[in-house]
Each structure stands twice: as structure tokens, then as C-alpha cells.
C-alpha atoms as a PDB file:
ATOM      1  CA  UNK A   1     -28.432 -70.019 -45.219  1.00  0.00           C
ATOM      2  CA  UNK A   2     -26.637 -71.486 -48.136  1.00  0.00           C
ATOM      3  CA  UNK A   3     -22.797 -71.852 -48.652  1.00  0.00           C
ATOM      4  CA  UNK A   4     -20.636 -72.221 -52.031  1.00  0.00           C
ATOM      5  CA  UNK A   5     -17.368 -71.898 -53.300  1.00  0.00           C
ATOM      6  CA  UNK A   6     -16.317 -68.896 -55.719  1.00  0.00           C
ATOM      7  CA  UNK A   7     -12.821 -68.777 -57.486  1.00  0.00           C
ATOM      8  CA  UNK A   8     -12.179 -65.467 -58.649  1.00  0.00           C
ATOM      9  CA  UNK A   9      -8.300 -64.797 -58.782  1.00  0.00           C
ATOM     10  CA  UNK A  10      -7.238 -61.234 -59.264  1.00  0.00           C
ATOM     11  CA  UNK A  11      -5.523 -60.775 -62.688  1.00  0.00           C
ATOM     12  CA  UNK A  12      -1.831 -60.191 -61.401  1.00  0.00           C
ATOM     13  CA  UNK A  13      -2.501 -63.568 -59.328  1.00  0.00           C
ATOM     14  CA  UNK A  14      -3.304 -65.689 -62.366  1.00  0.00           C
ATOM     15  CA  UNK A  15      -0.586 -64.566 -64.288  1.00  0.00           C
ATOM     16  CA  UNK A  16       1.955 -64.720 -61.665  1.00  0.00           C
ATOM     17  CA  UNK A  17       0.782 -68.274 -61.096  1.00  0.00           C
ATOM     18  CA  UNK A  18       0.866 -69.231 -64.759  1.00  0.00           C
ATOM     19  CA  UNK A  19       4.410 -67.785 -65.241  1.00  0.00           C
ATOM     20  CA  UNK A  20       5.304 -69.706 -61.980  1.00  0.00           C
ATOM     21  CA  UNK A  21       3.929 -72.967 -63.225  1.00  0.00           C
ATOM     22  CA  UNK A  22       5.181 -73.046 -66.719  1.00  0.00           C
ATOM     23  CA  UNK A  23       8.813 -72.428 -65.222  1.00  0.00           C
ATOM     24  CA  UNK A  24       8.978 -74.989 -62.849  1.00  0.00           C
ATOM     25  CA  UNK A  25       7.068 -77.551 -65.664  1.00  0.00           C
ATOM     26  CA  UNK A  26       9.789 -76.450 -68.239  1.00  0.00           C
ATOM     27  CA  UNK A  27      12.652 -76.958 -65.405  1.00  0.00           C
ATOM     28  CA  UNK A  28      11.659 -80.359 -64.565  1.00  0.00           C
ATOM     29  CA  UNK A  29      10.948 -81.490 -68.047  1.00  0.00           C
ATOM     30  CA  UNK A  30      14.622 -80.020 -68.793  1.00  0.00           C
ATOM     31  CA  UNK A  31      15.906 -82.097 -66.562  1.00  0.00           C
ATOM     32  CA  UNK A  32      14.504 -85.249 -67.766  1.00  0.00           C
ATOM     33  CA  UNK A  33      16.273 -84.249 -70.925  1.00  0.00           C
ATOM     34  CA  UNK A  34      19.217 -84.245 -69.055  1.00  0.00           C
ATOM     35  CA  UNK A  35      19.055 -87.491 -67.939  1.00  0.00           C
ATOM     36  CA  UNK A  36      18.376 -89.210 -71.237  1.00  0.00           C
ATOM     37  CA  UNK A  37      21.165 -87.328 -72.488  1.00  0.00           C
ATOM     38  CA  UNK A  38      23.404 -88.632 -69.716  1.00  0.00           C
ATOM     39  CA  UNK A  39      22.541 -92.606 -70.137  1.00  0.00           C
ATOM     40  CA  UNK A  40      22.841 -92.316 -73.533  1.00  0.00           C
ATOM     41  CA  UNK A  41      26.639 -90.928 -72.451  1.00  0.00           C
ATOM     42  CA  UNK A  42      27.194 -93.838 -70.294  1.00  0.00           C
ATOM     43  CA  UNK A  43      25.821 -96.390 -72.699  1.00  0.00           C
ATOM     44  CA  UNK A  44      28.166 -95.031 -75.316  1.00  0.00           C
ATOM     45  CA  UNK A  45      31.072 -95.634 -72.845  1.00  0.00           C
ATOM     46  CA  UNK A  46      30.238 -99.044 -71.971  1.00  0.00           C
ATOM     47  CA  UNK A  47      29.001-100.238 -75.719  1.00  0.00           C
ATOM     48  CA  UNK A  48      32.181 -98.571 -76.862  1.00  0.00           C
ATOM     49  CA  UNK A  49      34.290-101.384 -74.834  1.00  0.00           C
ATOM     50  CA  UNK A  50      32.579-104.252 -76.749  1.00  0.00           C
ATOM     51  CA  UNK A  51      32.623-102.335 -80.577  1.00  0.00           C
ATOM     52  CA  UNK A  52      34.901-103.262 -83.069  1.00  0.00           C
ATOM     53  CA  UNK A  53      38.067-101.121 -83.011  1.00  0.00           C
ATOM     54  CA  UNK A  54      38.440 -98.755 -86.190  1.00  0.00           C
ATOM     55  CA  UNK A  55      41.709 -98.803 -88.281  1.00  0.00           C
ATOM     56  CA  UNK A  56      41.183 -95.498 -89.570  1.00  0.00           C
ATOM     57  CA  UNK A  57      40.391 -91.861 -88.875  1.00  0.00           C
ATOM     58  CA  UNK A  58      36.416 -90.836 -89.318  1.00  0.00           C
ATOM     59  CA  UNK A  59      34.605 -88.037 -90.672  1.00  0.00           C
ATOM     60  CA  UNK A  60      34.265 -85.361 -87.894  1.00  0.00           C
ATOM     61  CA  UNK A  61      30.392 -85.440 -88.486  1.00  0.00           C
ATOM     62  CA  UNK A  62      30.046 -89.389 -87.368  1.00  0.00           C
ATOM     63  CA  UNK A  63      31.799 -88.461 -84.014  1.00  0.00           C
ATOM     64  CA  UNK A  64      28.541 -88.231 -82.121  1.00  0.00           C
ATOM     65  CA  UNK A  65      27.631 -91.465 -83.392  1.00  0.00           C
ATOM     66  CA  UNK A  66      31.063 -93.275 -82.932  1.00  0.00           C
ATOM     67  CA  UNK A  67      31.853 -91.376 -79.559  1.00  0.00           C
ATOM     68  CA  UNK A  68      33.995 -93.807 -77.290  1.00  0.00           C
ATOM     69  CA  UNK A  69      34.697 -96.405 -80.233  1.00  0.00           C
ATOM     70  CA  UNK A  70      38.095 -97.601 -79.688  1.00  0.00           C
ATOM     71  CA  UNK A  71      40.586 -96.889 -82.545  1.00  0.00           C
ATOM     72  CA  UNK A  72      43.791 -97.834 -83.682  1.00  0.00           C
ATOM     73  CA  UNK A  73      46.248 -95.396 -85.791  1.00  0.00           C
ATOM     74  CA  UNK A  74      49.475 -95.533 -87.060  1.00  0.00           C
ATOM     75  CA  UNK A  75      51.426 -91.932 -86.923  1.00  0.00           C
ATOM     76  CA  UNK A  76      53.593 -89.644 -85.547  1.00  0.00           C
ATOM     77  CA  UNK A  77      53.218 -87.108 -82.926  1.00  0.00           C
ATOM     78  CA  UNK A  78      54.385 -83.493 -83.513  1.00  0.00           C
ATOM     79  CA  UNK A  79      55.797 -82.805 -80.146  1.00  0.00           C
ATOM     80  CA  UNK A  80      57.003 -79.341 -80.789  1.00  0.00           C
ATOM     81  CA  UNK A  81      52.968 -78.147 -81.138  1.00  0.00           C
ATOM     82  CA  UNK A  82      51.372 -79.362 -77.808  1.00  0.00           C
ATOM     83  CA  UNK A  83      48.128 -77.726 -76.495  1.00  0.00           C
ATOM     84  CA  UNK A  84      47.734 -77.470 -72.145  1.00  0.00           C
ATOM     85  CA  UNK A  85      44.187 -77.674 -72.240  1.00  0.00           C
ATOM     86  CA  UNK A  86      43.711 -75.183 -69.164  1.00  0.00           C
ATOM     87  CA  UNK A  87      41.890 -75.118 -65.568  1.00  0.00           C
ATOM     88  CA  UNK A  88      40.987 -78.983 -65.963  1.00  0.00           C
ATOM     89  CA  UNK A  89      40.002 -80.078 -62.316  1.00  0.00           C
ATOM     90  CA  UNK A  90      40.360 -83.434 -60.809  1.00  0.00           C
ATOM     91  CA  UNK A  91      39.453 -83.804 -57.216  1.00  0.00           C
ATOM     92  CA  UNK A  92      40.036 -80.360 -56.034  1.00  0.00           C
ATOM     93  CA  UNK A  93      43.385 -80.036 -58.275  1.00  0.00           C
ATOM     94  CA  UNK A  94      43.647 -77.711 -61.231  1.00  0.00           C
ATOM     95  CA  UNK A  95      45.649 -79.119 -63.695  1.00  0.00           C
ATOM     96  CA  UNK A  96      45.709 -79.847 -67.642  1.00  0.00           C
ATOM     97  CA  UNK A  97      44.912 -82.459 -70.361  1.00  0.00           C
ATOM     98  CA  UNK A  98      47.662 -82.763 -72.808  1.00  0.00           C
ATOM     99  CA  UNK A  99      46.892 -82.664 -76.519  1.00  0.00           C
ATOM    100  CA  UNK A 100      49.131 -83.857 -78.956  1.00  0.00           C
ATOM    101  CA  UNK A 101      48.587 -83.609 -82.743  1.00  0.00           C
ATOM    102  CA  UNK A 102      49.169 -86.986 -84.459  1.00  0.00           C
ATOM    103  CA  UNK A 103      49.768 -87.132 -88.042  1.00  0.00           C
ATOM    104  CA  UNK A 104      48.173 -90.036 -89.981  1.00  0.00           C
ATOM    105  CA  UNK A 105      48.817 -89.801 -93.481  1.00  0.00           C
ATOM    106  CA  UNK A 106      47.721 -86.379 -95.044  1.00  0.00           C
ATOM    107  CA  UNK A 107      45.260 -85.600 -91.960  1.00  0.00           C
ATOM    108  CA  UNK A 108      46.065 -84.558 -88.251  1.00  0.00           C
ATOM    109  CA  UNK A 109      44.153 -85.711 -85.390  1.00  0.00           C
ATOM    110  CA  UNK A 110      44.715 -84.326 -81.422  1.00  0.00           C
ATOM    111  CA  UNK A 111      45.595 -87.027 -79.146  1.00  0.00           C
ATOM    112  CA  UNK A 112      44.777 -86.334 -75.470  1.00  0.00           C
ATOM    113  CA  UNK A 113      47.243 -88.143 -73.239  1.00  0.00           C
ATOM    114  CA  UNK A 114      46.006 -87.435 -70.043  1.00  0.00           C
ATOM    115  CA  UNK A 115      45.870 -85.008 -67.465  1.00  0.00           C
ATOM    116  CA  UNK A 116      48.518 -83.715 -64.918  1.00  0.00           C
ATOM    117  CA  UNK A 117      48.518 -81.262 -62.060  1.00  0.00           C
ATOM    118  CA  UNK A 118      49.602 -77.689 -62.536  1.00  0.00           C
ATOM    119  CA  UNK A 119      52.303 -75.743 -60.934  1.00  0.00           C
ATOM    120  CA  UNK A 120      51.120 -73.584 -58.291  1.00  0.00           C
ATOM    121  CA  UNK A 121      53.323 -70.751 -60.292  1.00  0.00           C
ATOM    122  CA  UNK A 122      51.813 -69.713 -63.749  1.00  0.00           C
ATOM    123  CA  UNK A 123      54.968 -69.339 -65.311  1.00  0.00           C
ATOM    124  CA  UNK A 124      56.116 -72.901 -64.805  1.00  0.00           C
ATOM    125  CA  UNK A 125      54.901 -75.340 -67.541  1.00  0.00           C
ATOM    126  CA  UNK A 126      54.983 -79.113 -67.208  1.00  0.00           C
ATOM    127  CA  UNK A 127      57.540 -81.493 -68.915  1.00  0.00           C
ATOM    128  CA  UNK A 128      55.533 -82.798 -71.778  1.00  0.00           C
ATOM    129  CA  UNK A 129      57.900 -83.937 -74.432  1.00  0.00           C
ATOM    130  CA  UNK A 130      57.005 -87.205 -76.494  1.00  0.00           C
ATOM    131  CA  UNK A 131      58.909 -88.700 -79.260  1.00  0.00           C
ATOM    132  CA  UNK A 132      58.378 -87.920 -82.713  1.00  0.00           C
ATOM    133  CA  UNK A 133      58.974 -91.345 -84.072  1.00  0.00           C
ATOM    134  CA  UNK A 134      56.130 -93.062 -85.895  1.00  0.00           C
ATOM    135  CA  UNK A 135      54.120 -95.228 -83.365  1.00  0.00           C
ATOM    136  CA  UNK A 136      51.178 -97.392 -83.327  1.00  0.00           C
ATOM    137  CA  UNK A 137      48.931 -96.039 -80.457  1.00  0.00           C
ATOM    138  CA  UNK A 138      45.270 -97.209 -79.002  1.00  0.00           C
ATOM    139  CA  UNK A 139      42.475 -95.062 -78.144  1.00  0.00           C
ATOM    140  CA  UNK A 140      38.875 -94.104 -77.867  1.00  0.00           C
ATOM    141  CA  UNK A 141      37.241 -91.273 -80.164  1.00  0.00           C
ATOM    142  CA  UNK A 142      35.316 -88.484 -78.859  1.00  0.00           C
ATOM    143  CA  UNK A 143      34.379 -84.837 -79.722  1.00  0.00           C
ATOM    144  CA  UNK A 144      36.874 -82.026 -78.417  1.00  0.00           C
ATOM    145  CA  UNK A 145      35.778 -80.726 -75.031  1.00  0.00           C
ATOM    146  CA  UNK A 146      33.348 -77.980 -74.840  1.00  0.00           C
ATOM    147  CA  UNK A 147      31.953 -75.667 -72.402  1.00  0.00           C
ATOM    148  CA  UNK A 148      28.455 -75.170 -71.668  1.00  0.00           C
ATOM    149  CA  UNK A 149      28.990 -71.643 -72.073  1.00  0.00           C
ATOM    150  CA  UNK A 150      31.512 -70.400 -74.359  1.00  0.00           C
ATOM    151  CA  UNK A 151      33.321 -67.062 -73.558  1.00  0.00           C
ATOM    152  CA  UNK A 152      35.380 -64.900 -75.647  1.00  0.00           C
ATOM    153  CA  UNK A 153      38.632 -65.677 -75.244  1.00  0.00           C
ATOM    154  CA  UNK A 154      42.067 -63.978 -74.569  1.00  0.00           C
ATOM    155  CA  UNK A 155      43.892 -64.171 -78.285  1.00  0.00           C
ATOM    156  CA  UNK A 156      47.113 -66.179 -77.995  1.00  0.00           C
ATOM    157  CA  UNK A 157      49.914 -64.201 -80.254  1.00  0.00           C
ATOM    158  CA  UNK A 158      51.161 -65.994 -83.337  1.00  0.00           C
ATOM    159  CA  UNK A 159      54.616 -66.056 -81.943  1.00  0.00           C
ATOM    160  CA  UNK A 160      53.926 -67.318 -78.481  1.00  0.00           C
ATOM    161  CA  UNK A 161      56.126 -70.615 -77.261  1.00  0.00           C
ATOM    162  CA  UNK A 162      54.498 -73.948 -77.355  1.00  0.00           C
ATOM    163  CA  UNK A 163      53.110 -75.815 -75.244  1.00  0.00           C
ATOM    164  CA  UNK A 164      50.381 -73.016 -75.659  1.00  0.00           C
ATOM    165  CA  UNK A 165      47.563 -72.949 -72.647  1.00  0.00           C
ATOM    166  CA  UNK A 166      44.229 -72.490 -74.196  1.00  0.00           C
ATOM    167  CA  UNK A 167      40.831 -72.936 -72.637  1.00  0.00           C
ATOM    168  CA  UNK A 168      38.646 -75.131 -74.758  1.00  0.00           C
ATOM    169  CA  UNK A 169      39.459 -73.985 -78.189  1.00  0.00           C
ATOM    170  CA  UNK A 170      37.637 -75.228 -81.074  1.00  0.00           C
ATOM    171  CA  UNK A 171      39.030 -77.157 -84.598  1.00  0.00           C
ATOM    172  CA  UNK A 172      39.397 -74.032 -85.970  1.00  0.00           C
ATOM    173  CA  UNK A 173      41.224 -72.317 -83.405  1.00  0.00           C
ATOM    174  CA  UNK A 174      43.776 -75.140 -82.699  1.00  0.00           C
ATOM    175  CA  UNK A 175      44.165 -75.398 -86.774  1.00  0.00           C
ATOM    176  CA  UNK A 176      44.737 -71.708 -86.705  1.00  0.00           C
ATOM    177  CA  UNK A 177      47.379 -72.140 -83.604  1.00  0.00           C
ATOM    178  CA  UNK A 178      48.828 -74.903 -85.385  1.00  0.00           C
ATOM    179  CA  UNK A 179      49.389 -73.436 -88.899  1.00  0.00           C
ATOM    180  CA  UNK A 180      47.459 -76.816 -90.034  1.00  0.00           C
ATOM    181  CA  UNK A 181      44.419 -78.295 -89.918  1.00  0.00           C
ATOM    182  CA  UNK A 182      43.037 -80.693 -87.658  1.00  0.00           C
ATOM    183  CA  UNK A 183      40.297 -83.176 -87.617  1.00  0.00           C
ATOM    184  CA  UNK A 184      36.871 -81.766 -85.071  1.00  0.00           C
ATOM    185  CA  UNK A 185      37.347 -84.158 -82.582  1.00  0.00           C
ATOM    186  CA  UNK A 186      40.077 -85.793 -79.995  1.00  0.00           C
ATOM    187  CA  UNK A 187      41.568 -89.489 -79.633  1.00  0.00           C
ATOM    188  CA  UNK A 188      41.312 -90.411 -75.771  1.00  0.00           C
ATOM    189  CA  UNK A 189      44.720 -92.452 -75.531  1.00  0.00           C
ATOM    190  CA  UNK A 190      44.330 -95.940 -73.647  1.00  0.00           C
ATOM    191  CA  UNK A 191      45.007 -95.771 -69.879  1.00  0.00           C
ATOM    192  CA  UNK A 192      47.731 -98.790 -71.118  1.00  0.00           C
ATOM    193  CA  UNK A 193      49.650 -96.948 -73.874  1.00  0.00           C
ATOM    194  CA  UNK A 194      52.722 -95.075 -73.081  1.00  0.00           C
ATOM    195  CA  UNK A 195      53.466 -91.591 -73.017  1.00  0.00           C
ATOM    196  CA  UNK A 196      50.494 -90.425 -71.425  1.00  0.00           C
ATOM    197  CA  UNK A 197      49.538 -89.117 -67.991  1.00  0.00           C
ATOM    198  CA  UNK A 198      46.162 -89.717 -65.627  1.00  0.00           C
ATOM    199  CA  UNK A 199      43.680 -91.472 -68.010  1.00  0.00           C
ATOM    200  CA  UNK A 200      40.311 -92.080 -66.502  1.00  0.00           C
ATOM    201  CA  UNK A 201      37.937 -91.308 -69.370  1.00  0.00           C
ATOM    202  CA  UNK A 202      34.655 -92.521 -67.868  1.00  0.00           C
ATOM    203  CA  UNK A 203      32.241 -89.370 -67.699  1.00  0.00           C
ATOM    204  CA  UNK A 204      33.041 -86.996 -64.894  1.00  0.00           C
ATOM    205  CA  UNK A 205      29.880 -86.281 -64.640  1.00  0.00           C
ATOM    206  CA  UNK A 206      26.801 -86.952 -62.031  1.00  0.00           C
ATOM    207  CA  UNK A 207      24.729 -90.015 -62.860  1.00  0.00           C
ATOM    208  CA  UNK A 208      21.357 -89.878 -64.546  1.00  0.00           C
ATOM    209  CA  UNK A 209      19.353 -90.230 -61.010  1.00  0.00           C
ATOM    210  CA  UNK A 210      20.780 -86.812 -59.835  1.00  0.00           C
ATOM    211  CA  UNK A 211      18.572 -85.189 -62.766  1.00  0.00           C
ATOM    212  CA  UNK A 212      15.745 -87.605 -61.941  1.00  0.00           C
ATOM    213  CA  UNK A 213      15.513 -86.276 -58.481  1.00  0.00           C
ATOM    214  CA  UNK A 214      15.770 -82.678 -59.596  1.00  0.00           C
ATOM    215  CA  UNK A 215      12.737 -83.201 -62.147  1.00  0.00           C
ATOM    216  CA  UNK A 216      11.085 -84.418 -59.018  1.00  0.00           C
ATOM    217  CA  UNK A 217      11.544 -81.537 -56.969  1.00  0.00           C
ATOM    218  CA  UNK A 218      10.482 -79.004 -60.052  1.00  0.00           C
ATOM    219  CA  UNK A 219       7.431 -80.944 -60.619  1.00  0.00           C
ATOM    220  CA  UNK A 220       6.671 -81.000 -56.704  1.00  0.00           C
ATOM    221  CA  UNK A 221       7.187 -76.937 -57.151  1.00  0.00           C
ATOM    222  CA  UNK A 222       4.595 -76.861 -59.923  1.00  0.00           C
ATOM    223  CA  UNK A 223       1.898 -79.008 -58.022  1.00  0.00           C
ATOM    224  CA  UNK A 224       3.158 -76.915 -54.902  1.00  0.00           C
ATOM    225  CA  UNK A 225       2.194 -73.252 -56.422  1.00  0.00           C
ATOM    226  CA  UNK A 226      -1.090 -74.947 -57.975  1.00  0.00           C
ATOM    227  CA  UNK A 227      -2.413 -76.090 -54.744  1.00  0.00           C
ATOM    228  CA  UNK A 228      -1.110 -72.895 -53.072  1.00  0.00           C
ATOM    229  CA  UNK A 229      -3.250 -70.656 -56.157  1.00  0.00           C
ATOM    230  CA  UNK A 230      -6.427 -72.872 -55.512  1.00  0.00           C
ATOM    231  CA  UNK A 231      -6.162 -72.474 -51.558  1.00  0.00           C
ATOM    232  CA  UNK A 232      -5.701 -68.575 -51.791  1.00  0.00           C
ATOM    233  CA  UNK A 233      -8.446 -68.060 -54.245  1.00  0.00           C
ATOM    234  CA  UNK A 234     -11.179 -70.506 -53.414  1.00  0.00           C
ATOM    235  CA  UNK A 235     -13.414 -68.398 -50.907  1.00  0.00           C
ATOM    236  CA  UNK A 236     -16.670 -69.553 -49.081  1.00  0.00           C
ATOM    237  CA  UNK A 237     -19.706 -66.866 -49.632  1.00  0.00           C
ATOM    238  CA  UNK A 238     -22.637 -67.515 -47.639  1.00  0.00           C
ATOM    239  CA  UNK A 239     -25.920 -67.056 -49.539  1.00  0.00           C
ATOM    240  CA  UNK A 240     -29.499 -66.159 -47.756  1.00  0.00           C
ATOM    241  CA  UNK A 241     -31.777 -68.599 -48.031  1.00  0.00           C
ATOM    242  CA  UNK A 242     -34.854 -67.447 -49.657  1.00  0.00           C
END
């Protein structure tokens, strides 16, 4: 009596295996891509500390390349039209990031003056007045904050009082709210500059090693489902020895 292994999985099992395997592998490679993105982000922050300081505004098309690059500007704040970037949490406390337009020559850029806690009462807005006198300030270039999934937000009436609470507005939305054009990036005010709030601009995200761990898990799932598929569909059959 001879014995041999046969492998004849049903079609539904093969399709299910292929779908699961493809899903797990895709998730694993996505986590590896996120790991590389985070490494580049942290590297940009560290190298920005050693880069030469810019002394003029740049084109928005260069902001990814120049992210966290130090910059020194001379201009005047527009204290009458400030934005409270809403629902920004730090250490479990909900608050705002304060975006103040800075007029630099014929251009305007938003200066992020930092984070402050919000009142538990939504009708109470923080006191964020700042002088409109000409000044020199230092900061770092950064894209405007954006959500990974942007939903259509509530339209703010044109006659709403300032400062206005907004949820991750684009440069176009901000320009419409302000009544004049702002550049599509922000300047993160240095921590030793006056007229600012809590400022710790290091990327507040988990480290690249977290994504590496997730990638290993997803690849392990892919290996596990492969082993299960093979074991469940490899069958030993006995053949009469003639």
C-alpha cells in the first residue's frame, strides 16, 4: 500500500486564501511605506536645525522640500483676523492652535503661535490679542495641518466674529474667510519668540518602529494563512500496490 499527498483545494477556499493573502501583504507594505515617511519627517526636523535660515517667503510648491527649514521674517500681524484651529488635543486636553496672519510685503503667511487649552464652555473664546506693530520673528516652515480624511465642514458665515474657530481649513478656505490671499503653508513660531503659547513642534506621532512592528504582524498573518491553507488542503491518500 503506497501513500501520497494530494493538493486539491476547492475553488472557494483558493479564492478566500488569495484575498486574505493579498490583503495582509498590502497592509504590511503600507506600514513599511508609513515607516519610511515617518523617518523622512523626523529627519527633516533634525536637519532643519542645522540648515541655513531663510530670510524671505518661498513658493508653496517648495514647502515639502523645505519642511521645518528655519526662516526669519519681518512683517506685521493682523490681530483682527485670527483663526482658532479647533479640536487640537495635547496630552488628552482639547484646545486650539492659534493661526495669526503676518503681512510680509505684498504677501501674507499664517504664523502658528502655538497651542492653548480650550474652555469647557464653547461660548468662551481665549484671549489671543497681539500687537500689530512691525516686528521680526523666527520660525520653521511647515505645511498647513490637514486631516487624513477630510469631511465637508460647516460653512462659517461671512459675518461671524473674529477670532473664528475652523477645522483644518485649506489655504483657499482661509483666504475666503480672511478676505485676502494667504500662502499655502504656515510658519511655526520658535519657542523663544514672544507672543506665543505652548510650542513643541517635534512631530507628535508614533515612531517609525511602531509601523515596522505592524508590518511584521501583517506579514506574519500572510505566512500563517498560507500555512493553514496548505495544511487544510494537503491530504494523504492510500493507493493499492499492484
